[in-house]
PDB file of N, CA and C in Angstrom:
ATOM      1  N   UNK A   1      -7.912  -0.294  -7.531  1.00  0.00           N
ATOM      2  CA  UNK A   1      -7.051  -1.174  -8.282  1.00  0.00           C
ATOM      3  C   UNK A   1      -5.675  -0.539  -8.495  1.00  0.00           C
ATOM      4  N   UNK A   2      -5.662   0.755  -8.746  1.00  0.00           N
ATOM      5  CA  UNK A   2      -4.391   1.447  -8.962  1.00  0.00           C
ATOM      6  C   UNK A   2      -3.501   1.339  -7.731  1.00  0.00           C
ATOM      7  N   UNK A   3      -4.107   1.466  -6.550  1.00  0.00           N
ATOM      8  CA  UNK A   3      -3.333   1.371  -5.311  1.00  0.00           C
ATOM      9  C   UNK A   3      -2.686  -0.001  -5.188  1.00  0.00           C
ATOM     10  N   UNK A   4      -3.421  -1.041  -5.491  1.00  0.00           N
ATOM     11  CA  UNK A   4      -2.878  -2.400  -5.435  1.00  0.00           C
ATOM     12  C   UNK A   4      -1.725  -2.560  -6.421  1.00  0.00           C
ATOM     13  N   UNK A   5      -1.881  -2.025  -7.620  1.00  0.00           N
ATOM     14  CA  UNK A   5      -0.807  -2.100  -8.617  1.00  0.00           C
ATOM     15  C   UNK A   5       0.437  -1.356  -8.148  1.00  0.00           C
ATOM     16  N   UNK A   6       0.231  -0.178  -7.563  1.00  0.00           N
ATOM     17  CA  UNK A   6       1.371   0.606  -7.078  1.00  0.00           C
ATOM     18  C   UNK A   6       2.140  -0.133  -5.989  1.00  0.00           C
ATOM     19  N   UNK A   7       1.408  -0.859  -5.137  1.00  0.00           N
ATOM     20  CA  UNK A   7       2.052  -1.592  -4.047  1.00  0.00           C
ATOM     21  C   UNK A   7       2.583  -2.950  -4.482  1.00  0.00           C
ATOM     22  N   UNK A   8       2.126  -3.412  -5.632  1.00  0.00           N
ATOM     23  CA  UNK A   8       2.557  -4.723  -6.103  1.00  0.00           C
ATOM     24  C   UNK A   8       1.872  -5.872  -5.386  1.00  0.00           C
ATOM     25  N   UNK A   9       0.629  -5.635  -4.968  1.00  0.00           N
ATOM     26  CA  UNK A   9      -0.152  -6.688  -4.306  1.00  0.00           C
ATOM     27  C   UNK A   9      -1.463  -6.859  -5.060  1.00  0.00           C
ATOM     28  N   UNK A  10      -2.132  -7.947  -4.787  1.00  0.00           N
ATOM     29  CA  UNK A  10      -3.405  -8.205  -5.444  1.00  0.00           C
ATOM     30  C   UNK A  10      -4.523  -7.314  -4.919  1.00  0.00           C
ATOM     31  N   UNK A  11      -5.502  -7.080  -5.771  1.00  0.00           N
ATOM     32  CA  UNK A  11      -6.657  -6.285  -5.379  1.00  0.00           C
ATOM     33  C   UNK A  11      -7.371  -6.917  -4.188  1.00  0.00           C
ATOM     34  N   UNK A  12      -7.444  -8.233  -4.165  1.00  0.00           N
ATOM     35  CA  UNK A  12      -8.108  -8.913  -3.048  1.00  0.00           C
ATOM     36  C   UNK A  12      -7.367  -8.668  -1.735  1.00  0.00           C
ATOM     37  N   UNK A  13      -6.052  -8.533  -1.803  1.00  0.00           N
ATOM     38  CA  UNK A  13      -5.267  -8.242  -0.599  1.00  0.00           C
ATOM     39  C   UNK A  13      -5.642  -6.881  -0.039  1.00  0.00           C
ATOM     40  N   UNK A  14      -5.704  -5.878  -0.912  1.00  0.00           N
ATOM     41  CA  UNK A  14      -6.074  -4.528  -0.468  1.00  0.00           C
ATOM     42  C   UNK A  14      -7.494  -4.525   0.084  1.00  0.00           C
ATOM     43  N   UNK A  15      -8.400  -5.226  -0.567  1.00  0.00           N
ATOM     44  CA  UNK A  15      -9.784  -5.293  -0.075  1.00  0.00           C
ATOM     45  C   UNK A  15      -9.845  -5.948   1.305  1.00  0.00           C
ATOM     46  N   UNK A  16      -9.062  -6.994   1.509  1.00  0.00           N
ATOM     47  CA  UNK A  16      -9.033  -7.645   2.820  1.00  0.00           C
ATOM     48  C   UNK A  16      -8.499  -6.703   3.892  1.00  0.00           C
ATOM     49  N   UNK A  17      -7.491  -5.889   3.553  1.00  0.00           N
ATOM     50  CA  UNK A  17      -6.980  -4.893   4.507  1.00  0.00           C
ATOM     51  C   UNK A  17      -8.069  -3.873   4.821  1.00  0.00           C
ATOM     52  N   UNK A  18      -8.731  -3.378   3.782  1.00  0.00           N
ATOM     53  CA  UNK A  18      -9.760  -2.350   3.961  1.00  0.00           C
ATOM     54  C   UNK A  18     -10.925  -2.861   4.805  1.00  0.00           C
ATOM     55  N   UNK A  19     -11.272  -4.126   4.627  1.00  0.00           N
ATOM     56  CA  UNK A  19     -12.401  -4.704   5.345  1.00  0.00           C
ATOM     57  C   UNK A  19     -11.973  -5.364   6.652  1.00  0.00           C
ATOM     58  N   UNK A  20     -10.717  -5.170   6.999  1.00  0.00           N
ATOM     59  CA  UNK A  20     -10.130  -5.661   8.257  1.00  0.00           C
ATOM     60  C   UNK A  20     -10.221  -7.179   8.428  1.00  0.00           C
ATOM     61  N   UNK A  21     -10.212  -7.894   7.306  1.00  0.00           N
ATOM     62  CA  UNK A  21     -10.152  -9.358   7.366  1.00  0.00           C
ATOM     63  C   UNK A  21      -8.729  -9.810   7.655  1.00  0.00           C
ATOM     64  N   UNK A  22      -7.771  -9.029   7.153  1.00  0.00           N
ATOM     65  CA  UNK A  22      -6.348  -9.295   7.371  1.00  0.00           C
ATOM     66  C   UNK A  22      -5.664  -7.977   7.671  1.00  0.00           C
ATOM     67  N   UNK A  23      -4.540  -8.054   8.376  1.00  0.00           N
ATOM     68  CA  UNK A  23      -3.747  -6.861   8.659  1.00  0.00           C
ATOM     69  C   UNK A  23      -2.451  -6.948   7.865  1.00  0.00           C
ATOM     70  N   UNK A  24      -2.046  -5.842   7.235  1.00  0.00           N
ATOM     71  CA  UNK A  24      -0.776  -5.873   6.501  1.00  0.00           C
ATOM     72  C   UNK A  24       0.372  -6.196   7.448  1.00  0.00           C
ATOM     73  N   UNK A  25       1.377  -6.882   6.913  1.00  0.00           N
ATOM     74  CA  UNK A  25       2.525  -7.292   7.714  1.00  0.00           C
ATOM     75  C   UNK A  25       3.812  -6.758   7.106  1.00  0.00           C
ATOM     76  N   UNK A  26       4.849  -6.677   7.905  1.00  0.00           N
ATOM     77  CA  UNK A  26       6.198  -6.364   7.447  1.00  0.00           C
ATOM     78  C   UNK A  26       6.298  -5.113   6.600  1.00  0.00           C
ATOM     79  N   UNK A  27       6.958  -5.228   5.434  1.00  0.00           N
ATOM     80  CA  UNK A  27       7.188  -4.068   4.573  1.00  0.00           C
ATOM     81  C   UNK A  27       5.895  -3.385   4.118  1.00  0.00           C
ATOM     82  N   UNK A  28       4.852  -4.155   3.874  1.00  0.00           N
ATOM     83  CA  UNK A  28       3.581  -3.554   3.448  1.00  0.00           C
ATOM     84  C   UNK A  28       3.019  -2.659   4.546  1.00  0.00           C
ATOM     85  N   UNK A  29       3.112  -3.115   5.777  1.00  0.00           N
ATOM     86  CA  UNK A  29       2.617  -2.320   6.903  1.00  0.00           C
ATOM     87  C   UNK A  29       3.423  -1.033   7.045  1.00  0.00           C
ATOM     88  N   UNK A  30       4.736  -1.133   6.910  1.00  0.00           N
ATOM     89  CA  UNK A  30       5.597   0.049   7.003  1.00  0.00           C
ATOM     90  C   UNK A  30       5.279   1.036   5.884  1.00  0.00           C
ATOM     91  N   UNK A  31       5.131   0.531   4.669  1.00  0.00           N
ATOM     92  CA  UNK A  31       4.834   1.406   3.537  1.00  0.00           C
ATOM     93  C   UNK A  31       3.487   2.096   3.716  1.00  0.00           C
ATOM     94  N   UNK A  32       2.503   1.390   4.226  1.00  0.00           N
ATOM     95  CA  UNK A  32       1.193   1.991   4.447  1.00  0.00           C
ATOM     96  C   UNK A  32       1.236   3.061   5.532  1.00  0.00           C
ATOM     97  N   UNK A  33       2.056   2.866   6.550  1.00  0.00           N
ATOM     98  CA  UNK A  33       2.226   3.897   7.589  1.00  0.00           C
ATOM     99  C   UNK A  33       2.847   5.156   6.998  1.00  0.00           C
ATOM    100  N   UNK A  34       3.848   4.969   6.156  1.00  0.00           N
ATOM    101  CA  UNK A  34       4.485   6.116   5.497  1.00  0.00           C
ATOM    102  C   UNK A  34       3.491   6.791   4.558  1.00  0.00           C
ATOM    103  N   UNK A  35       2.753   6.004   3.795  1.00  0.00           N
ATOM    104  CA  UNK A  35       1.775   6.559   2.856  1.00  0.00           C
ATOM    105  C   UNK A  35       0.702   7.367   3.577  1.00  0.00           C
ATOM    106  N   UNK A  36       0.362   6.956   4.782  1.00  0.00           N
ATOM    107  CA  UNK A  36      -0.632   7.681   5.565  1.00  0.00           C
ATOM    108  C   UNK A  36      -0.131   9.071   5.950  1.00  0.00           C
ATOM    109  N   UNK A  37       1.160   9.158   6.267  1.00  0.00           N
ATOM    110  CA  UNK A  37       1.737  10.427   6.723  1.00  0.00           C
ATOM    111  C   UNK A  37       2.316  11.271   5.591  1.00  0.00           C
ATOM    112  N   UNK A  38       2.862  10.629   4.571  1.00  0.00           N
ATOM    113  CA  UNK A  38       3.521  11.332   3.460  1.00  0.00           C
ATOM    114  C   UNK A  38       3.126  10.710   2.114  1.00  0.00           C
ATOM    115  N   UNK A  39       1.856  10.821   1.725  1.00  0.00           N
ATOM    116  CA  UNK A  39       1.407  10.154   0.494  1.00  0.00           C
ATOM    117  C   UNK A  39       2.164  10.592  -0.758  1.00  0.00           C
ATOM    118  N   UNK A  40       2.495  11.860  -0.859  1.00  0.00           N
ATOM    119  CA  UNK A  40       3.201  12.328  -2.058  1.00  0.00           C
ATOM    120  C   UNK A  40       4.598  11.734  -2.161  1.00  0.00           C
ATOM    121  N   UNK A  41       5.258  11.531  -1.033  1.00  0.00           N
ATOM    122  CA  UNK A  41       6.591  10.924  -1.042  1.00  0.00           C
ATOM    123  C   UNK A  41       6.524   9.488  -1.553  1.00  0.00           C
ATOM    124  N   UNK A  42       5.498   8.762  -1.153  1.00  0.00           N
ATOM    125  CA  UNK A  42       5.341   7.374  -1.598  1.00  0.00           C
ATOM    126  C   UNK A  42       5.038   7.332  -3.093  1.00  0.00           C
ATOM    127  N   UNK A  43       4.151   8.203  -3.542  1.00  0.00           N
ATOM    128  CA  UNK A  43       3.828   8.251  -4.974  1.00  0.00           C
ATOM    129  C   UNK A  43       5.077   8.559  -5.784  1.00  0.00           C
ATOM    130  N   UNK A  44       5.833   9.540  -5.343  1.00  0.00           N
ATOM    131  CA  UNK A  44       7.063   9.910  -6.046  1.00  0.00           C
ATOM    132  C   UNK A  44       8.057   8.752  -6.061  1.00  0.00           C
ATOM    133  N   UNK A  45       8.241   8.096  -4.932  1.00  0.00           N
ATOM    134  CA  UNK A  45       9.200   6.989  -4.841  1.00  0.00           C
ATOM    135  C   UNK A  45       8.787   5.810  -5.716  1.00  0.00           C
ATOM    136  N   UNK A  46       7.503   5.522  -5.771  1.00  0.00           N
ATOM    137  CA  UNK A  46       7.030   4.379  -6.550  1.00  0.00           C
ATOM    138  C   UNK A  46       7.031   4.650  -8.043  1.00  0.00           C
ATOM    139  N   UNK A  47       7.068   5.894  -8.436  1.00  0.00           N
ATOM    140  CA  UNK A  47       7.084   6.237  -9.858  1.00  0.00           C
ATOM    141  C   UNK A  47       8.480   6.542 -10.366  1.00  0.00           C
ATOM    142  N   UNK A  48       9.478   6.463  -9.503  1.00  0.00           N
ATOM    143  CA  UNK A  48      10.860   6.708  -9.899  1.00  0.00           C
ATOM    144  C   UNK A  48      11.474   5.407 -10.375  1.00  0.00           C
ATOM    145  N   UNK A  49      12.160   5.462 -11.514  1.00  0.00           N
ATOM    146  CA  UNK A  49      12.806   4.243 -12.023  1.00  0.00           C
ATOM    147  C   UNK A  49      14.290   4.379 -11.944  1.00  0.00           C
TER     148      UNK A  49
END
């Protein structure tokens, strides 16, 4: 649930991605690629105001 909140998407959306019912598109897909390679950078960026 925390991951969905951090991304600003619904929990059902994240579950659908995880279960491969849907594939992330556009900015969400790009952010997930970055998070895969540099998770700390994404966490830091999302917590900066």
